[in-house]
PDB file of N, CA and C in Angstrom:
ATOM      1  N   MET A   1      -0.907  28.829 -20.597  1.00  0.00           N
ATOM      2  CA  MET A   1      -0.784  29.131 -21.991  1.00  0.00           C
ATOM      3  C   MET A   1      -0.047  30.304 -22.405  1.00  0.00           C
ATOM      4  N   LYS A   2       0.141  31.290 -21.368  1.00  0.00           N
ATOM      5  CA  LYS A   2       1.290  31.805 -21.706  1.00  0.00           C
ATOM      6  C   LYS A   2       2.863  31.551 -22.174  1.00  0.00           C
ATOM      7  N   GLU A   3       3.259  30.465 -21.900  1.00  0.00           N
ATOM      8  CA  GLU A   3       4.502  30.478 -21.624  1.00  0.00           C
ATOM      9  C   GLU A   3       4.613  29.248 -23.503  1.00  0.00           C
ATOM     10  N   ILE A   4       3.093  28.453 -23.883  1.00  0.00           N
ATOM     11  CA  ILE A   4       3.183  27.996 -25.167  1.00  0.00           C
ATOM     12  C   ILE A   4       3.284  29.345 -26.216  1.00  0.00           C
ATOM     13  N   LEU A   5       2.314  30.607 -25.782  1.00  0.00           N
ATOM     14  CA  LEU A   5       3.139  31.390 -26.934  1.00  0.00           C
ATOM     15  C   LEU A   5       3.995  32.373 -26.725  1.00  0.00           C
ATOM     16  N   GLN A   6       4.547  32.304 -25.759  1.00  0.00           N
ATOM     17  CA  GLN A   6       5.939  32.656 -25.497  1.00  0.00           C
ATOM     18  C   GLN A   6       6.933  31.997 -26.328  1.00  0.00           C
ATOM     19  N   THR A   7       6.778  30.467 -26.572  1.00  0.00           N
ATOM     20  CA  THR A   7       7.521  29.917 -27.428  1.00  0.00           C
ATOM     21  C   THR A   7       7.192  30.072 -28.428  1.00  0.00           C
ATOM     22  N   ALA A   8       5.914  30.056 -29.170  1.00  0.00           N
ATOM     23  CA  ALA A   8       5.398  30.483 -30.708  1.00  0.00           C
ATOM     24  C   ALA A   8       6.183  31.772 -31.199  1.00  0.00           C
ATOM     25  N   TYR A   9       5.876  32.419 -30.351  1.00  0.00           N
ATOM     26  CA  TYR A   9       6.566  33.814 -30.901  1.00  0.00           C
ATOM     27  C   TYR A   9       8.280  33.863 -30.861  1.00  0.00           C
ATOM     28  N   TRP A  10       8.451  33.391 -30.119  1.00  0.00           N
ATOM     29  CA  TRP A  10       9.991  33.104 -29.880  1.00  0.00           C
ATOM     30  C   TRP A  10      10.663  32.347 -31.186  1.00  0.00           C
ATOM     31  N   ALA A  11      10.015  30.887 -31.414  1.00  0.00           N
ATOM     32  CA  ALA A  11      10.133  30.282 -32.665  1.00  0.00           C
ATOM     33  C   ALA A  11       9.931  30.715 -33.744  1.00  0.00           C
ATOM     34  N   TYR A  12       8.493  31.710 -33.757  1.00  0.00           N
ATOM     35  CA  TYR A  12       8.675  32.655 -35.114  1.00  0.00           C
ATOM     36  C   TYR A  12       9.594  33.615 -35.566  1.00  0.00           C
ATOM     37  N   ASN A  13       9.766  34.047 -34.368  1.00  0.00           N
ATOM     38  CA  ASN A  13      11.161  35.298 -34.722  1.00  0.00           C
ATOM     39  C   ASN A  13      12.396  34.613 -34.998  1.00  0.00           C
ATOM     40  N   TYR A  14      12.569  33.728 -34.634  1.00  0.00           N
ATOM     41  CA  TYR A  14      14.217  32.919 -34.335  1.00  0.00           C
ATOM     42  C   TYR A  14      13.834  32.448 -36.249  1.00  0.00           C
ATOM     43  N   CYS A  15      12.916  31.760 -36.792  1.00  0.00           N
ATOM     44  CA  CYS A  15      13.068  31.155 -38.001  1.00  0.00           C
ATOM     45  C   CYS A  15      13.176  32.525 -39.109  1.00  0.00           C
ATOM     46  N   THR A  16      12.401  33.556 -38.584  1.00  0.00           N
ATOM     47  CA  THR A  16      12.497  34.848 -39.566  1.00  0.00           C
ATOM     48  C   THR A  16      13.380  35.224 -39.537  1.00  0.00           C
ATOM     49  N   ASP A  17      14.432  35.554 -38.514  1.00  0.00           N
ATOM     50  CA  ASP A  17      15.439  36.083 -38.243  1.00  0.00           C
ATOM     51  C   ASP A  17      16.431  35.249 -39.264  1.00  0.00           C
ATOM     52  N   PHE A  18      16.293  34.004 -39.250  1.00  0.00           N
ATOM     53  CA  PHE A  18      17.295  32.786 -39.839  1.00  0.00           C
ATOM     54  C   PHE A  18      16.991  33.246 -41.166  1.00  0.00           C
ATOM     55  N   VAL A  19      15.890  33.324 -41.907  1.00  0.00           N
ATOM     56  CA  VAL A  19      15.658  33.215 -43.195  1.00  0.00           C
ATOM     57  C   VAL A  19      15.830  34.403 -43.828  1.00  0.00           C
ATOM     58  N   ILE A  20      15.935  35.906 -42.755  1.00  0.00           N
ATOM     59  CA  ILE A  20      16.658  37.317 -43.790  1.00  0.00           C
ATOM     60  C   ILE A  20      18.676  37.004 -43.651  1.00  0.00           C
ATOM     61  N   ASN A  21      18.859  36.440 -42.365  1.00  0.00           N
ATOM     62  CA  ASN A  21      20.454  36.477 -42.614  1.00  0.00           C
ATOM     63  C   ASN A  21      20.912  35.408 -43.747  1.00  0.00           C
ATOM     64  N   LEU A  22      20.192  34.235 -43.687  1.00  0.00           N
ATOM     65  CA  LEU A  22      20.109  33.405 -44.889  1.00  0.00           C
ATOM     66  C   LEU A  22      20.171  34.146 -46.190  1.00  0.00           C
ATOM     67  N   ALA A  23      19.112  35.129 -46.675  1.00  0.00           N
ATOM     68  CA  ALA A  23      19.277  35.685 -47.529  1.00  0.00           C
ATOM     69  C   ALA A  23      20.591  36.697 -47.570  1.00  0.00           C
ATOM     70  N   ASN A  24      20.635  37.687 -46.453  1.00  0.00           N
ATOM     71  CA  ASN A  24      21.470  38.591 -46.939  1.00  0.00           C
ATOM     72  C   ASN A  24      22.892  37.667 -47.021  1.00  0.00           C
ATOM     73  N   ILE A  25      23.132  36.564 -46.610  1.00  0.00           N
ATOM     74  CA  ILE A  25      24.471  35.611 -46.636  1.00  0.00           C
ATOM     75  C   ILE A  25      24.812  35.146 -48.293  1.00  0.00           C
ATOM     76  N   LEU A  26      23.374  34.826 -48.452  1.00  0.00           N
ATOM     77  CA  LEU A  26      23.911  33.981 -50.018  1.00  0.00           C
ATOM     78  C   LEU A  26      23.045  35.501 -51.000  1.00  0.00           C
ATOM     79  N   ASN A  27      22.633  36.234 -50.610  1.00  0.00           N
ATOM     80  CA  ASN A  27      22.478  37.690 -51.700  1.00  0.00           C
ATOM     81  C   ASN A  27      21.285  37.562 -52.423  1.00  0.00           C
ATOM     82  N   LEU A  28      20.413  36.734 -51.901  1.00  0.00           N
ATOM     83  CA  LEU A  28      19.226  37.160 -52.209  1.00  0.00           C
ATOM     84  C   LEU A  28      18.039  37.457 -51.560  1.00  0.00           C
ATOM     85  N   SER A  29      16.698  37.411 -51.759  1.00  0.00           N
ATOM     86  CA  SER A  29      15.802  38.196 -51.308  1.00  0.00           C
ATOM     87  C   SER A  29      14.998  37.874 -50.429  1.00  0.00           C
ATOM     88  N   TYR A  30      14.436  38.200 -49.270  1.00  0.00           N
ATOM     89  CA  TYR A  30      13.592  37.417 -48.446  1.00  0.00           C
ATOM     90  C   TYR A  30      12.624  36.258 -48.943  1.00  0.00           C
ATOM     91  N   TYR A  31      11.930  36.858 -50.034  1.00  0.00           N
ATOM     92  CA  TYR A  31      10.564  36.084 -50.906  1.00  0.00           C
ATOM     93  C   TYR A  31      11.532  34.810 -51.968  1.00  0.00           C
ATOM     94  N   GLU A  32      12.799  35.252 -51.857  1.00  0.00           N
ATOM     95  CA  GLU A  32      13.452  33.869 -52.835  1.00  0.00           C
ATOM     96  C   GLU A  32      13.886  32.721 -52.106  1.00  0.00           C
ATOM     97  N   ILE A  33      14.581  33.140 -50.551  1.00  0.00           N
ATOM     98  CA  ILE A  33      14.507  32.161 -50.039  1.00  0.00           C
ATOM     99  C   ILE A  33      13.562  31.440 -49.634  1.00  0.00           C
ATOM    100  N   ASN A  34      12.214  32.328 -49.245  1.00  0.00           N
ATOM    101  CA  ASN A  34      10.936  31.718 -48.612  1.00  0.00           C
ATOM    102  C   ASN A  34      10.430  30.603 -49.962  1.00  0.00           C
ATOM    103  N   PHE A  35      10.750  31.153 -51.296  1.00  0.00           N
ATOM    104  CA  PHE A  35      10.445  30.125 -52.522  1.00  0.00           C
ATOM    105  C   PHE A  35      11.288  28.967 -52.248  1.00  0.00           C
ATOM    106  N   ILE A  36      12.310  28.956 -52.056  1.00  0.00           N
ATOM    107  CA  ILE A  36      13.122  28.080 -52.290  1.00  0.00           C
ATOM    108  C   ILE A  36      12.923  26.969 -50.995  1.00  0.00           C
ATOM    109  N   LEU A  37      12.642  27.613 -49.624  1.00  0.00           N
ATOM    110  CA  LEU A  37      12.458  26.616 -48.783  1.00  0.00           C
ATOM    111  C   LEU A  37      10.623  25.882 -48.714  1.00  0.00           C
ATOM    112  N   PHE A  38       9.861  26.919 -49.229  1.00  0.00           N
ATOM    113  CA  PHE A  38       8.380  26.517 -49.043  1.00  0.00           C
ATOM    114  C   PHE A  38       8.126  25.772 -50.109  1.00  0.00           C
ATOM    115  N   ILE A  39       8.365  26.326 -51.259  1.00  0.00           N
ATOM    116  CA  ILE A  39       7.612  26.163 -52.398  1.00  0.00           C
ATOM    117  C   ILE A  39       8.840  24.942 -53.293  1.00  0.00           C
ATOM    118  N   ILE A  40       9.923  24.602 -53.033  1.00  0.00           N
ATOM    119  CA  ILE A  40      11.007  23.609 -53.692  1.00  0.00           C
ATOM    120  C   ILE A  40      11.295  22.536 -52.384  1.00  0.00           C
ATOM    121  N   GLY A  41      11.717  23.408 -51.530  1.00  0.00           N
ATOM    122  CA  GLY A  41      12.845  22.322 -50.415  1.00  0.00           C
ATOM    123  C   GLY A  41      11.736  21.159 -49.600  1.00  0.00           C
ATOM    124  N   TYR A  42      10.416  22.081 -49.132  1.00  0.00           N
ATOM    125  CA  TYR A  42       9.525  21.148 -48.135  1.00  0.00           C
ATOM    126  C   TYR A  42       8.928  19.830 -49.003  1.00  0.00           C
ATOM    127  N   PRO A  43       8.324  20.546 -50.331  1.00  0.00           N
ATOM    128  CA  PRO A  43       7.274  19.236 -51.277  1.00  0.00           C
ATOM    129  C   PRO A  43       8.766  18.263 -51.343  1.00  0.00           C
ATOM    130  N   THR A  44       9.841  18.593 -51.575  1.00  0.00           N
ATOM    131  CA  THR A  44      10.731  17.682 -51.767  1.00  0.00           C
ATOM    132  C   THR A  44      11.012  17.138 -50.882  1.00  0.00           C
ATOM    133  N   LEU A  45      11.244  17.464 -50.028  1.00  0.00           N
ATOM    134  CA  LEU A  45      11.634  17.035 -48.755  1.00  0.00           C
ATOM    135  C   LEU A  45       9.963  15.625 -48.003  1.00  0.00           C
ATOM    136  N   ILE A  46       9.129  16.188 -48.263  1.00  0.00           N
ATOM    137  CA  ILE A  46       7.965  15.132 -48.275  1.00  0.00           C
ATOM    138  C   ILE A  46       8.027  14.211 -49.202  1.00  0.00           C
ATOM    139  N   PHE A  47       8.039  14.757 -50.492  1.00  0.00           N
ATOM    140  CA  PHE A  47       8.037  13.585 -51.716  1.00  0.00           C
ATOM    141  C   PHE A  47       9.342  12.528 -51.603  1.00  0.00           C
ATOM    142  N   GLY A  48      10.173  12.941 -51.043  1.00  0.00           N
ATOM    143  CA  GLY A  48      11.433  12.010 -50.880  1.00  0.00           C
ATOM    144  C   GLY A  48      10.984  10.649 -50.082  1.00  0.00           C
ATOM    145  N   THR A  49      10.356  11.650 -48.633  1.00  0.00           N
ATOM    146  CA  THR A  49      10.561  11.137 -47.574  1.00  0.00           C
ATOM    147  C   THR A  49       9.548   9.881 -47.787  1.00  0.00           C
ATOM    148  N   ALA A  50       8.189  10.175 -48.555  1.00  0.00           N
ATOM    149  CA  ALA A  50       6.966   9.238 -49.601  1.00  0.00           C
ATOM    150  C   ALA A  50       7.878   8.343 -50.093  1.00  0.00           C
ATOM    151  N   LEU A  51       8.664   8.412 -51.015  1.00  0.00           N
ATOM    152  CA  LEU A  51       9.361   7.693 -51.627  1.00  0.00           C
ATOM    153  C   LEU A  51      10.373   6.658 -50.914  1.00  0.00           C
ATOM    154  N   LEU A  52      11.143   7.050 -50.399  1.00  0.00           N
ATOM    155  CA  LEU A  52      12.089   6.321 -49.240  1.00  0.00           C
ATOM    156  C   LEU A  52      11.133   5.356 -48.683  1.00  0.00           C
ATOM    157  N   HIS A  53      10.301   6.050 -47.778  1.00  0.00           N
ATOM    158  CA  HIS A  53       8.927   4.608 -47.152  1.00  0.00           C
ATOM    159  C   HIS A  53       8.287   3.387 -48.044  1.00  0.00           C
ATOM    160  N   PHE A  54       8.112   4.028 -48.998  1.00  0.00           N
ATOM    161  CA  PHE A  54       7.375   2.846 -49.583  1.00  0.00           C
ATOM    162  C   PHE A  54       8.448   2.118 -50.423  1.00  0.00           C
ATOM    163  N   ASN A  55       9.581   2.681 -50.782  1.00  0.00           N
ATOM    164  CA  ASN A  55      10.922   1.698 -51.079  1.00  0.00           C
ATOM    165  C   ASN A  55      11.094   0.558 -50.436  1.00  0.00           C
ATOM    166  N   GLN A  56      11.531   1.364 -49.085  1.00  0.00           N
ATOM    167  CA  GLN A  56      11.798   0.729 -47.924  1.00  0.00           C
ATOM    168  C   GLN A  56      10.655  -0.506 -47.539  1.00  0.00           C
ATOM    169  N   ARG A  57       9.576  -0.237 -47.816  1.00  0.00           N
ATOM    170  CA  ARG A  57       8.192  -1.109 -47.565  1.00  0.00           C
ATOM    171  C   ARG A  57       8.562  -2.501 -48.751  1.00  0.00           C
ATOM    172  N   ARG A  58       8.616  -2.292 -50.110  1.00  0.00           N
ATOM    173  CA  ARG A  58       9.012  -2.782 -50.862  1.00  0.00           C
ATOM    174  C   ARG A  58       9.854  -4.088 -50.808  1.00  0.00           C
ATOM    175  N   ARG A  59      11.143  -3.074 -50.023  1.00  0.00           N
ATOM    176  CA  ARG A  59      12.515  -4.128 -49.578  1.00  0.00           C
ATOM    177  C   ARG A  59      12.366  -5.421 -48.830  1.00  0.00           C
ATOM    178  N   LEU A  60      11.201  -4.302 -47.580  1.00  0.00           N
ATOM    179  CA  LEU A  60      11.220  -5.194 -46.527  1.00  0.00           C
ATOM    180  C   LEU A  60      10.485  -6.373 -46.878  1.00  0.00           C
ATOM    181  N   ARG A  61       9.466  -6.678 -47.599  1.00  0.00           N
ATOM    182  CA  ARG A  61       8.373  -7.720 -48.286  1.00  0.00           C
ATOM    183  C   ARG A  61       8.742  -8.453 -48.697  1.00  0.00           C
ATOM    184  N   LYS A  62       9.959  -7.819 -49.696  1.00  0.00           N
ATOM    185  CA  LYS A  62      10.408  -9.069 -50.670  1.00  0.00           C
ATOM    186  C   LYS A  62      11.656  -9.657 -49.703  1.00  0.00           C
ATOM    187  N   MET A  63      12.068  -9.438 -48.419  1.00  0.00           N
ATOM    188  CA  MET A  63      13.051  -9.847 -47.651  1.00  0.00           C
ATOM    189  C   MET A  63      12.574 -11.195 -46.619  1.00  0.00           C
ATOM    190  N   ILE A  64      10.891 -10.548 -46.302  1.00  0.00           N
ATOM    191  CA  ILE A  64      10.020 -11.314 -45.675  1.00  0.00           C
ATOM    192  C   ILE A  64       9.894 -12.376 -46.184  1.00  0.00           C
ATOM    193  N   LYS A  65       9.231 -12.307 -47.177  1.00  0.00           N
ATOM    194  CA  LYS A  65       9.290 -13.364 -48.357  1.00  0.00           C
ATOM    195  C   LYS A  65      10.230 -14.431 -48.853  1.00  0.00           C
ATOM    196  N   PHE A  66      11.316 -13.885 -49.219  1.00  0.00           N
ATOM    197  CA  PHE A  66      12.681 -14.943 -49.311  1.00  0.00           C
ATOM    198  C   PHE A  66      13.102 -15.231 -48.217  1.00  0.00           C
ATOM    199  N   ASN A  67      12.900 -14.867 -46.635  1.00  0.00           N
ATOM    200  CA  ASN A  67      13.228 -15.768 -45.750  1.00  0.00           C
ATOM    201  C   ASN A  67      12.209 -16.694 -45.604  1.00  0.00           C
ATOM    202  N   GLY A  68      11.085 -16.339 -45.873  1.00  0.00           N
ATOM    203  CA  GLY A  68      10.029 -16.923 -45.828  1.00  0.00           C
ATOM    204  C   GLY A  68      10.027 -18.385 -46.524  1.00  0.00           C
ATOM    205  N   GLN A  69      10.102 -18.240 -47.892  1.00  0.00           N
ATOM    206  CA  GLN A  69      10.628 -19.609 -48.751  1.00  0.00           C
ATOM    207  C   GLN A  69      11.759 -20.426 -48.363  1.00  0.00           C
ATOM    208  N   ARG A  70      12.714 -19.612 -47.677  1.00  0.00           N
ATOM    209  CA  ARG A  70      14.098 -20.073 -47.153  1.00  0.00           C
ATOM    210  C   ARG A  70      13.861 -21.277 -46.007  1.00  0.00           C
ATOM    211  N   THR A  71      12.935 -20.817 -45.038  1.00  0.00           N
ATOM    212  CA  THR A  71      12.750 -21.125 -44.175  1.00  0.00           C
ATOM    213  C   THR A  71      11.985 -22.101 -44.075  1.00  0.00           C
ATOM    214  N   SER A  72      10.618 -22.236 -45.190  1.00  0.00           N
ATOM    215  CA  SER A  72       9.681 -23.202 -45.896  1.00  0.00           C
ATOM    216  C   SER A  72      11.029 -24.623 -46.275  1.00  0.00           C
ATOM    217  N   SER A  73      11.476 -24.026 -47.151  1.00  0.00           N
ATOM    218  CA  SER A  73      12.613 -25.056 -47.959  1.00  0.00           C
ATOM    219  C   SER A  73      13.250 -26.045 -46.561  1.00  0.00           C
ATOM    220  N   MET A  74      13.942 -25.048 -45.798  1.00  0.00           N
ATOM    221  CA  MET A  74      14.575 -25.457 -45.299  1.00  0.00           C
ATOM    222  C   MET A  74      13.904 -26.920 -44.225  1.00  0.00           C
ATOM    223  N   SER A  75      12.894 -26.294 -43.473  1.00  0.00           N
ATOM    224  CA  SER A  75      11.795 -27.493 -42.977  1.00  0.00           C
ATOM    225  C   SER A  75      11.782 -28.497 -43.612  1.00  0.00           C
ATOM    226  N   ASN A  76      11.183 -28.160 -44.787  1.00  0.00           N
ATOM    227  CA  ASN A  76      10.660 -29.616 -45.532  1.00  0.00           C
ATOM    228  C   ASN A  76      11.971 -30.308 -45.584  1.00  0.00           C
ATOM    229  N   GLU A  77      13.373 -30.046 -45.771  1.00  0.00           N
ATOM    230  CA  GLU A  77      14.292 -30.782 -45.969  1.00  0.00           C
ATOM    231  C   GLU A  77      14.554 -31.444 -44.742  1.00  0.00           C
ATOM    232  N   GLN A  78      14.237 -31.000 -43.575  1.00  0.00           N
ATOM    233  CA  GLN A  78      14.373 -31.587 -42.393  1.00  0.00           C
ATOM    234  C   GLN A  78      13.288 -32.703 -42.389  1.00  0.00           C
ATOM    235  N   THR A  79      12.464 -32.195 -42.624  1.00  0.00           N
ATOM    236  CA  THR A  79      11.379 -33.659 -42.535  1.00  0.00           C
ATOM    237  C   THR A  79      11.707 -34.606 -43.387  1.00  0.00           C
ATOM    238  N   GLN A  80      12.133 -34.294 -44.584  1.00  0.00           N
ATOM    239  CA  GLN A  80      12.567 -35.632 -45.243  1.00  0.00           C
ATOM    240  C   GLN A  80      13.526 -36.220 -45.131  1.00  0.00           C
TER     241      GLN A  80
END
């Protein structure tokens, strides 16, 4: 349990330092970087991933339907 807590503290400190350094490099405040990351970036990433999933799912279903029709028409030709 102690190792898990140490890892969590390390990750928190690393992320906090990263955001502070990023704010300094971009000449923005810590709060502005947090806003960009967690209010704009993260929801965009989640929404974009969901859109990508549904788009790929739709394309896969179309492909399966097309291949199924093609396979059944080929088998009909072979039986005739």
